[in-house]
């Protein structure tokens, strides 16, 4: 059987929109044959989420999460295509899970497209300076340095972008993959539109507390 590489799994995920584990399992089942793996995912209803990306998701709900004691609060708007799905238990639970995740993981943006150009450029400049100042990279050519920079930017995305963050209740998948799975399951496009995270006393001069870890501990 052909070796199932991370690159092959990633490529299949990009083509189908299915989750990483679903893609890996399909590749294992198909002995590494990508076309057969796509057929397997289609048969299971997991390869059609990408086709729904262009559809309008104008329904949905605004969900909330308040951390114990009222120290952290989150509002998040999750959209779908019909009120029928919006009122379903699975969609409602997804909204709650995402609100909890935001409380714990403190994302700054929903998608990479929301990152202002100056913010991204500043992160790129910092990553480049760090790479060049590392003695291990002293003799490496510029193209290698730029690859290192992109790798560090990916780390920034994982920390700051909601859909790129590992889901707090299942770190094996990202929030984006979770939404893709629910899209395939409901048959409707689901999208996180926006969120606001409030932290009691934020910006005031007071004792700091790690509320993210405190919230995350409730999910284990």
Protein backbone atom coordinates (compact mmCIF):
# COMPACT_ATOMS: atom_id res chain seq x y z
CA UNK A 1 0.00 0.00 0.00
CA UNK A 2 1.25 3.48 -0.85
CA UNK A 3 2.40 5.62 2.07
CA UNK A 4 -0.27 8.09 3.17
CA UNK A 5 1.62 11.35 3.56
CA UNK A 6 0.46 14.50 5.31
CA UNK A 7 0.76 16.33 1.97
CA UNK A 8 -1.61 13.83 0.31
CA UNK A 9 -4.15 14.23 3.11
CA UNK A 10 -3.92 18.01 2.89
CA UNK A 11 -4.35 17.98 -0.89
CA UNK A 12 -7.43 15.76 -0.64
CA UNK A 13 -8.90 18.00 2.05
CA UNK A 14 -8.40 21.07 -0.16
CA UNK A 15 -10.12 19.33 -3.07
CA UNK A 16 -13.07 17.97 -1.13
CA UNK A 17 -13.57 20.15 1.95
CA UNK A 18 -13.80 17.02 4.13
CA UNK A 19 -12.06 16.80 7.53
CA UNK A 20 -8.46 15.68 7.91
CA UNK A 21 -9.32 12.36 9.54
CA UNK A 22 -12.01 11.60 6.95
CA UNK A 23 -9.49 12.29 4.18
CA UNK A 24 -6.83 10.14 5.80
CA UNK A 25 -9.26 7.26 6.31
CA UNK A 26 -10.45 7.52 2.70
CA UNK A 27 -6.87 7.42 1.42
CA UNK A 28 -6.09 4.39 3.57
CA UNK A 29 -9.23 2.65 2.33
CA UNK A 30 -8.37 3.47 -1.29
CA UNK A 31 -4.71 2.41 -0.89
CA UNK A 32 -3.56 5.94 -1.63
CA UNK A 33 -5.58 6.42 -4.82
CA UNK A 34 -6.83 10.00 -4.65
CA UNK A 35 -9.64 9.57 -7.19
CA UNK A 36 -11.00 6.54 -5.36
CA UNK A 37 -10.68 8.42 -2.08
CA UNK A 38 -12.77 11.27 -3.52
CA UNK A 39 -15.43 8.77 -4.57
CA UNK A 40 -15.47 7.30 -1.06
CA UNK A 41 -15.93 10.75 0.49
CA UNK A 42 -18.66 11.63 -1.99
CA UNK A 43 -20.52 8.41 -1.17
CA UNK A 44 -20.39 9.36 2.50
CA UNK A 45 -21.60 12.88 1.83
CA UNK A 46 -18.36 14.46 3.01
CA UNK A 47 -17.01 15.81 -0.27
CA UNK A 48 -19.77 18.20 -1.18
CA UNK A 49 -19.25 20.97 1.38
CA UNK A 50 -16.94 22.90 -0.95
CA UNK A 51 -19.72 23.14 -3.54
CA UNK A 52 -21.87 24.99 -1.03
CA UNK A 53 -19.38 27.77 -0.35
CA UNK A 54 -20.95 30.07 -2.92
CA UNK A 55 -24.48 29.68 -1.60
CA UNK A 56 -26.06 32.43 0.50
CA UNK A 57 -26.26 31.80 4.23
CA UNK A 58 -28.64 34.49 5.46
CA UNK A 59 -30.31 32.65 8.34
CA UNK A 60 -28.79 31.55 11.62
CA UNK A 61 -28.56 32.74 15.19
CA UNK A 62 -26.50 34.90 17.51
CA UNK A 63 -25.28 32.72 20.34
CA UNK A 64 -23.60 33.62 23.60
CA UNK A 65 -21.39 32.16 26.27
CA UNK A 66 -20.79 33.65 29.70
CA UNK A 67 -17.96 32.22 31.74
CA UNK A 68 -18.67 31.33 35.38
CA UNK A 69 -18.76 34.48 37.46
CA UNK A 70 -19.28 36.70 34.43
CA UNK A 71 -15.56 37.22 33.82
CA UNK A 72 -15.62 36.44 30.10
CA UNK A 73 -18.49 36.84 27.65
CA UNK A 74 -18.81 35.98 23.96
CA UNK A 75 -21.34 36.81 21.26
CA UNK A 76 -21.01 34.96 17.97
CA UNK A 77 -23.12 35.03 14.80
CA UNK A 78 -23.34 31.73 12.95
CA UNK A 79 -25.17 31.66 9.63
CA UNK A 80 -26.87 28.92 7.64
CA UNK A 81 -29.27 28.82 4.69
CA UNK A 82 -32.62 28.07 6.34
CA UNK A 83 -34.40 28.77 9.61
CA UNK A 84 -35.15 25.04 9.82
CA UNK A 85 -31.45 24.21 10.26
CA UNK A 86 -30.89 27.25 12.52
CA UNK A 87 -33.52 25.93 14.95
CA UNK A 88 -32.07 22.40 14.98
CA UNK A 89 -30.30 21.01 18.03
CA UNK A 90 -27.09 20.27 16.14
CA UNK A 91 -26.74 23.83 14.82
CA UNK A 92 -27.56 25.28 18.24
CA UNK A 93 -24.92 23.07 19.86
CA UNK A 94 -22.38 24.14 17.24
CA UNK A 95 -23.01 27.79 18.11
CA UNK A 96 -22.48 27.04 21.81
CA UNK A 97 -19.29 25.10 21.11
CA UNK A 98 -17.85 27.87 18.97
CA UNK A 99 -18.75 30.52 21.56
CA UNK A 100 -17.02 28.45 24.25
CA UNK A 101 -14.01 28.01 21.99
CA UNK A 102 -13.74 31.77 21.45
CA UNK A 103 -13.88 32.36 25.20
CA UNK A 104 -11.03 29.91 25.76
CA UNK A 105 -8.80 30.48 22.70
CA UNK A 106 -9.10 34.27 22.31
CA UNK A 107 -9.00 34.53 18.49
CA UNK A 108 -8.67 37.99 16.96
CA UNK A 109 -10.12 37.35 13.50
CA UNK A 110 -12.62 34.95 11.93
CA UNK A 111 -10.60 34.33 8.75
CA UNK A 112 -7.19 35.26 7.40
CA UNK A 113 -8.83 37.72 5.01
CA UNK A 114 -9.87 39.84 7.99
CA UNK A 115 -6.30 40.48 9.10
CA UNK A 116 -5.40 44.10 8.25
CA UNK A 117 -2.47 44.36 5.85
CA UNK A 118 -0.34 46.41 8.32
CA UNK A 119 -0.85 43.77 11.04
CA UNK A 120 0.14 40.94 8.70
CA UNK A 121 3.15 42.85 7.38
CA UNK A 122 4.32 43.58 10.92
CA UNK A 123 4.11 39.89 11.81
CA UNK A 124 5.99 39.04 8.63
CA UNK A 125 8.74 41.56 9.44
CA UNK A 126 9.08 40.20 13.00
CA UNK A 127 9.25 36.61 11.73
CA UNK A 128 11.87 37.58 9.14
CA UNK A 129 14.00 39.40 11.72
CA UNK A 130 13.79 36.42 14.09
CA UNK A 131 14.82 34.03 11.33
CA UNK A 132 17.78 36.17 10.26
CA UNK A 133 18.94 36.67 13.85
CA UNK A 134 18.97 32.94 14.53
CA UNK A 135 22.61 31.72 14.25
CA UNK A 136 21.37 28.46 12.72
CA UNK A 137 20.17 30.41 9.68
CA UNK A 138 23.32 32.49 9.19
CA UNK A 139 24.29 30.96 5.85
CA UNK A 140 20.86 30.12 4.51
CA UNK A 141 19.71 31.77 1.24
CA UNK A 142 16.83 34.24 1.16
CA UNK A 143 14.35 31.74 -0.28
CA UNK A 144 14.94 29.44 2.69
CA UNK A 145 14.49 32.34 5.10
CA UNK A 146 11.17 33.17 3.43
CA UNK A 147 9.98 29.58 3.89
CA UNK A 148 10.83 29.88 7.58
CA UNK A 149 8.88 33.15 7.68
CA UNK A 150 5.82 31.48 6.13
CA UNK A 151 6.05 28.69 8.69
CA UNK A 152 6.04 31.22 11.51
CA UNK A 153 3.11 33.03 9.94
CA UNK A 154 1.18 29.78 9.95
CA UNK A 155 1.78 29.65 13.69
CA UNK A 156 0.40 33.20 13.95
CA UNK A 157 -2.70 32.11 12.01
CA UNK A 158 -3.23 29.14 14.35
CA UNK A 159 -3.08 31.46 17.35
CA UNK A 160 -5.10 34.41 15.99
CA UNK A 161 -7.54 33.21 13.30
CA UNK A 162 -10.66 31.44 14.54
CA UNK A 163 -11.10 28.95 11.70
CA UNK A 164 -7.38 28.02 11.82
CA UNK A 165 -7.35 27.35 15.56
CA UNK A 166 -7.42 23.77 16.87
CA UNK A 167 -10.91 23.22 18.28
CA UNK A 168 -10.67 23.22 22.09
CA UNK A 169 -12.94 20.17 22.50
CA UNK A 170 -11.10 18.18 19.81
CA UNK A 171 -7.64 19.62 18.93
CA UNK A 172 -7.23 17.04 16.16
CA UNK A 173 -9.43 19.26 13.99
CA UNK A 174 -9.59 23.01 13.41
CA UNK A 175 -12.68 25.13 13.93
CA UNK A 176 -12.85 25.47 10.14
CA UNK A 177 -12.87 21.69 9.72
CA UNK A 178 -15.58 21.42 12.36
CA UNK A 179 -17.76 23.86 10.42
CA UNK A 180 -17.05 21.98 7.17
CA UNK A 181 -18.16 18.73 8.77
CA UNK A 182 -21.41 20.31 9.95
CA UNK A 183 -21.95 21.79 6.49
CA UNK A 184 -21.69 18.33 4.96
CA UNK A 185 -23.96 16.84 7.61
CA UNK A 186 -26.74 19.45 7.41
CA UNK A 187 -26.59 19.87 3.63
CA UNK A 188 -26.44 23.64 4.02
CA UNK A 189 -23.67 26.17 3.94
CA UNK A 190 -22.66 27.17 7.48
CA UNK A 191 -20.45 30.19 8.11
CA UNK A 192 -19.12 32.07 11.10
CA UNK A 193 -19.83 35.70 10.31
CA UNK A 194 -18.50 37.61 13.31
CA UNK A 195 -17.87 37.50 17.02
CA UNK A 196 -17.13 39.75 19.98
CA UNK A 197 -15.27 38.64 23.08
CA UNK A 198 -15.53 40.61 26.31
CA UNK A 199 -13.17 40.17 29.23
CA UNK A 200 -14.16 41.80 32.51
CA UNK A 201 -11.73 44.58 33.41
CA UNK A 202 -9.85 44.32 30.10
CA UNK A 203 -7.72 47.41 29.61
CA UNK A 204 -7.80 48.32 33.28
CA UNK A 205 -4.76 48.17 35.54
CA UNK A 206 -5.46 45.08 37.64
CA UNK A 207 -4.14 41.65 38.50
CA UNK A 208 -3.89 39.51 35.38
CA UNK A 209 -5.61 36.14 35.22
CA UNK A 210 -5.47 33.41 32.58
CA UNK A 211 -9.19 33.20 31.81
CA UNK A 212 -8.53 31.24 28.60
CA UNK A 213 -7.06 28.30 30.50
CA UNK A 214 -9.81 28.56 33.10
CA UNK A 215 -12.52 28.26 30.43
CA UNK A 216 -10.66 25.50 28.62
CA UNK A 217 -10.50 23.48 31.85
CA UNK A 218 -14.31 23.36 31.88
CA UNK A 219 -14.34 21.63 28.50
CA UNK A 220 -12.18 18.69 29.55
